[in-house]
Amino acid sequence: MQRILLVEDDLLLARVVEDYLCGNGYVVWHEASGKRAARRIPEQSPDAVILDVNLPDLDGFAVCREVRERYS
C-alpha cells in the first residue's frame, strides 16, 4: 500500500483530502507543522508527500530544501 504524508495546517481541508485518499486505497499520515514534517519525512520515508506551501512555522519550500538531501 502506498503511504502518503499530508502536510496541511487547515484541519478541515486535511480531513477532506485524507478521507479521499484513504477511500482510494492509500495510507495517509497527517502532519500540521512544517518543522515536524521536516523531521518526519526522512524518518518514515513516505512514498509521496503532499505539502502545503503556506504553513505557519516553516513553509513548504523550506521543508523541501531541508529534506532534499535525506529523502528521494
N, C-alpha and C. Protein backbone atom coordinates (compact mmCIF):
# COMPACT_ATOMS: atom_id res chain seq x y z
N MET A 1 0.83 -1.18 0.00
CA MET A 1 0.00 0.00 0.00
C MET A 1 0.88 1.25 0.00
N GLN A 2 0.52 2.22 -0.79
CA GLN A 2 1.26 3.47 -0.89
C GLN A 2 1.01 4.33 0.34
N ARG A 3 2.08 4.89 0.90
CA ARG A 3 1.99 5.74 2.09
C ARG A 3 2.23 7.19 1.71
N ILE A 4 1.32 8.06 2.10
CA ILE A 4 1.41 9.47 1.78
C ILE A 4 1.44 10.29 3.06
N LEU A 5 2.37 11.24 3.12
CA LEU A 5 2.39 12.20 4.22
C LEU A 5 1.72 13.48 3.72
N LEU A 6 0.64 13.84 4.34
CA LEU A 6 -0.11 15.05 4.02
C LEU A 6 0.28 16.12 5.04
N VAL A 7 0.88 17.20 4.56
CA VAL A 7 1.32 18.28 5.44
C VAL A 7 0.42 19.48 5.16
N GLU A 8 -0.54 19.69 6.07
CA GLU A 8 -1.56 20.73 5.88
C GLU A 8 -2.02 21.22 7.25
N ASP A 9 -1.99 22.54 7.45
CA ASP A 9 -2.39 23.09 8.75
C ASP A 9 -3.89 23.38 8.83
N ASP A 10 -4.59 23.42 7.72
CA ASP A 10 -6.04 23.60 7.71
C ASP A 10 -6.66 22.22 7.97
N LEU A 11 -7.15 22.01 9.18
CA LEU A 11 -7.60 20.68 9.57
C LEU A 11 -8.81 20.18 8.79
N LEU A 12 -9.71 21.08 8.41
CA LEU A 12 -10.87 20.66 7.61
C LEU A 12 -10.42 20.20 6.22
N LEU A 13 -9.56 20.97 5.59
CA LEU A 13 -9.04 20.59 4.27
C LEU A 13 -8.25 19.28 4.37
N ALA A 14 -7.45 19.15 5.40
CA ALA A 14 -6.66 17.93 5.58
C ALA A 14 -7.58 16.71 5.72
N ARG A 15 -8.66 16.87 6.46
CA ARG A 15 -9.60 15.76 6.65
C ARG A 15 -10.25 15.35 5.32
N VAL A 16 -10.64 16.32 4.51
CA VAL A 16 -11.26 16.03 3.22
C VAL A 16 -10.28 15.27 2.32
N VAL A 17 -9.05 15.77 2.23
CA VAL A 17 -8.03 15.12 1.39
C VAL A 17 -7.71 13.72 1.93
N GLU A 18 -7.55 13.61 3.24
CA GLU A 18 -7.24 12.32 3.85
C GLU A 18 -8.36 11.31 3.60
N ASP A 19 -9.60 11.71 3.78
CA ASP A 19 -10.73 10.82 3.54
C ASP A 19 -10.76 10.34 2.09
N TYR A 20 -10.51 11.26 1.16
CA TYR A 20 -10.50 10.90 -0.26
C TYR A 20 -9.39 9.89 -0.57
N LEU A 21 -8.19 10.18 -0.09
CA LEU A 21 -7.05 9.30 -0.38
C LEU A 21 -7.23 7.93 0.28
N CYS A 22 -7.66 7.92 1.53
CA CYS A 22 -7.90 6.64 2.21
C CYS A 22 -8.97 5.83 1.50
N GLY A 23 -9.99 6.51 1.00
CA GLY A 23 -11.05 5.84 0.26
C GLY A 23 -10.59 5.26 -1.05
N ASN A 24 -9.43 5.70 -1.51
CA ASN A 24 -8.86 5.18 -2.76
C ASN A 24 -7.65 4.28 -2.52
N GLY A 25 -7.53 3.78 -1.30
CA GLY A 25 -6.55 2.76 -1.02
C GLY A 25 -5.19 3.21 -0.52
N TYR A 26 -5.03 4.49 -0.20
CA TYR A 26 -3.75 4.98 0.31
C TYR A 26 -3.75 5.00 1.84
N VAL A 27 -2.58 4.83 2.40
CA VAL A 27 -2.38 5.04 3.83
C VAL A 27 -1.91 6.48 3.96
N VAL A 28 -2.61 7.26 4.77
CA VAL A 28 -2.30 8.69 4.88
C VAL A 28 -1.90 9.02 6.30
N TRP A 29 -0.75 9.67 6.42
CA TRP A 29 -0.31 10.24 7.69
C TRP A 29 -0.49 11.74 7.57
N HIS A 30 -0.92 12.38 8.60
CA HIS A 30 -1.15 13.82 8.58
C HIS A 30 -0.20 14.53 9.53
N GLU A 31 0.32 15.65 9.08
CA GLU A 31 1.17 16.50 9.91
C GLU A 31 0.76 17.93 9.64
N ALA A 32 0.57 18.73 10.70
CA ALA A 32 0.14 20.12 10.53
C ALA A 32 1.29 21.11 10.65
N SER A 33 2.47 20.65 10.99
CA SER A 33 3.62 21.51 11.22
C SER A 33 4.72 21.24 10.21
N GLY A 34 5.24 22.30 9.62
CA GLY A 34 6.36 22.15 8.69
C GLY A 34 7.61 21.63 9.38
N LYS A 35 7.87 22.11 10.58
CA LYS A 35 9.05 21.66 11.32
C LYS A 35 8.97 20.18 11.65
N ARG A 36 7.80 19.74 12.11
CA ARG A 36 7.64 18.31 12.42
C ARG A 36 7.69 17.47 11.15
N ALA A 37 7.13 17.99 10.07
CA ALA A 37 7.17 17.27 8.79
C ALA A 37 8.61 17.11 8.31
N ALA A 38 9.43 18.14 8.48
CA ALA A 38 10.83 18.07 8.05
C ALA A 38 11.58 16.98 8.81
N ARG A 39 11.21 16.72 10.04
CA ARG A 39 11.83 15.63 10.81
C ARG A 39 11.23 14.28 10.41
N ARG A 40 9.94 14.26 10.17
CA ARG A 40 9.22 13.01 9.93
C ARG A 40 9.50 12.42 8.54
N ILE A 41 9.67 13.25 7.54
CA ILE A 41 9.84 12.77 6.16
C ILE A 41 11.04 11.83 6.04
N PRO A 42 12.24 12.24 6.46
CA PRO A 42 13.37 11.30 6.34
C PRO A 42 13.27 10.09 7.27
N GLU A 43 12.62 10.25 8.41
CA GLU A 43 12.49 9.14 9.36
C GLU A 43 11.55 8.06 8.85
N GLN A 44 10.41 8.45 8.28
CA GLN A 44 9.39 7.48 7.89
C GLN A 44 9.38 7.18 6.40
N SER A 45 10.06 7.99 5.62
CA SER A 45 10.22 7.78 4.18
C SER A 45 8.91 7.40 3.47
N PRO A 46 7.95 8.33 3.47
CA PRO A 46 6.69 8.04 2.77
C PRO A 46 6.93 7.92 1.27
N ASP A 47 6.00 7.27 0.58
CA ASP A 47 6.10 7.13 -0.87
C ASP A 47 5.87 8.45 -1.59
N ALA A 48 5.07 9.32 -0.97
CA ALA A 48 4.78 10.64 -1.54
C ALA A 48 4.47 11.61 -0.41
N VAL A 49 4.69 12.89 -0.70
CA VAL A 49 4.39 13.95 0.26
C VAL A 49 3.51 14.98 -0.44
N ILE A 50 2.39 15.31 0.16
CA ILE A 50 1.56 16.42 -0.29
C ILE A 50 1.81 17.54 0.70
N LEU A 51 2.41 18.62 0.21
CA LEU A 51 2.96 19.62 1.10
C LEU A 51 2.35 20.99 0.83
N ASP A 52 1.71 21.55 1.85
CA ASP A 52 1.17 22.90 1.79
C ASP A 52 2.33 23.89 1.76
N VAL A 53 2.21 24.91 0.95
CA VAL A 53 3.26 25.92 0.87
C VAL A 53 3.16 26.91 2.03
N ASN A 54 1.97 27.25 2.43
CA ASN A 54 1.75 28.27 3.47
C ASN A 54 1.52 27.67 4.84
N LEU A 55 2.57 27.16 5.43
CA LEU A 55 2.50 26.63 6.79
C LEU A 55 2.95 27.71 7.76
N PRO A 56 2.42 27.73 8.97
CA PRO A 56 2.72 28.82 9.89
C PRO A 56 4.14 28.83 10.45
N ASP A 57 4.76 27.67 10.62
CA ASP A 57 6.07 27.65 11.28
C ASP A 57 7.25 27.50 10.32
N LEU A 58 7.10 26.73 9.27
CA LEU A 58 8.15 26.52 8.28
C LEU A 58 7.45 26.24 6.97
N ASP A 59 7.57 27.16 5.99
CA ASP A 59 6.79 27.00 4.77
C ASP A 59 7.24 25.77 3.96
N GLY A 60 6.38 25.35 3.06
CA GLY A 60 6.62 24.14 2.29
C GLY A 60 7.91 24.16 1.49
N PHE A 61 8.30 25.32 0.96
CA PHE A 61 9.55 25.41 0.21
C PHE A 61 10.75 25.14 1.12
N ALA A 62 10.71 25.68 2.33
CA ALA A 62 11.79 25.45 3.29
C ALA A 62 11.84 23.98 3.71
N VAL A 63 10.69 23.35 3.86
CA VAL A 63 10.65 21.92 4.19
C VAL A 63 11.34 21.14 3.07
N CYS A 64 11.02 21.45 1.83
CA CYS A 64 11.65 20.77 0.69
C CYS A 64 13.16 20.93 0.71
N ARG A 65 13.61 22.16 0.92
CA ARG A 65 15.06 22.40 0.95
C ARG A 65 15.72 21.61 2.08
N GLU A 66 15.06 21.56 3.22
CA GLU A 66 15.64 20.90 4.39
C GLU A 66 15.75 19.38 4.21
N VAL A 67 14.78 18.76 3.58
CA VAL A 67 14.79 17.29 3.48
C VAL A 67 15.38 16.77 2.17
N ARG A 68 15.62 17.62 1.23
CA ARG A 68 16.05 17.20 -0.12
C ARG A 68 17.25 16.25 -0.08
N GLU A 69 18.24 16.52 0.76
CA GLU A 69 19.45 15.69 0.81
C GLU A 69 19.21 14.34 1.47
N ARG A 70 18.17 14.22 2.28
CA ARG A 70 17.95 13.00 3.05
C ARG A 70 16.74 12.18 2.58
N TYR A 71 16.06 12.64 1.53
CA TYR A 71 14.84 11.97 1.08
C TYR A 71 14.76 12.04 -0.43
N SER A 72 14.57 10.90 -1.04
CA SER A 72 14.47 10.90 -2.50
C SER A 72 13.02 10.85 -2.90
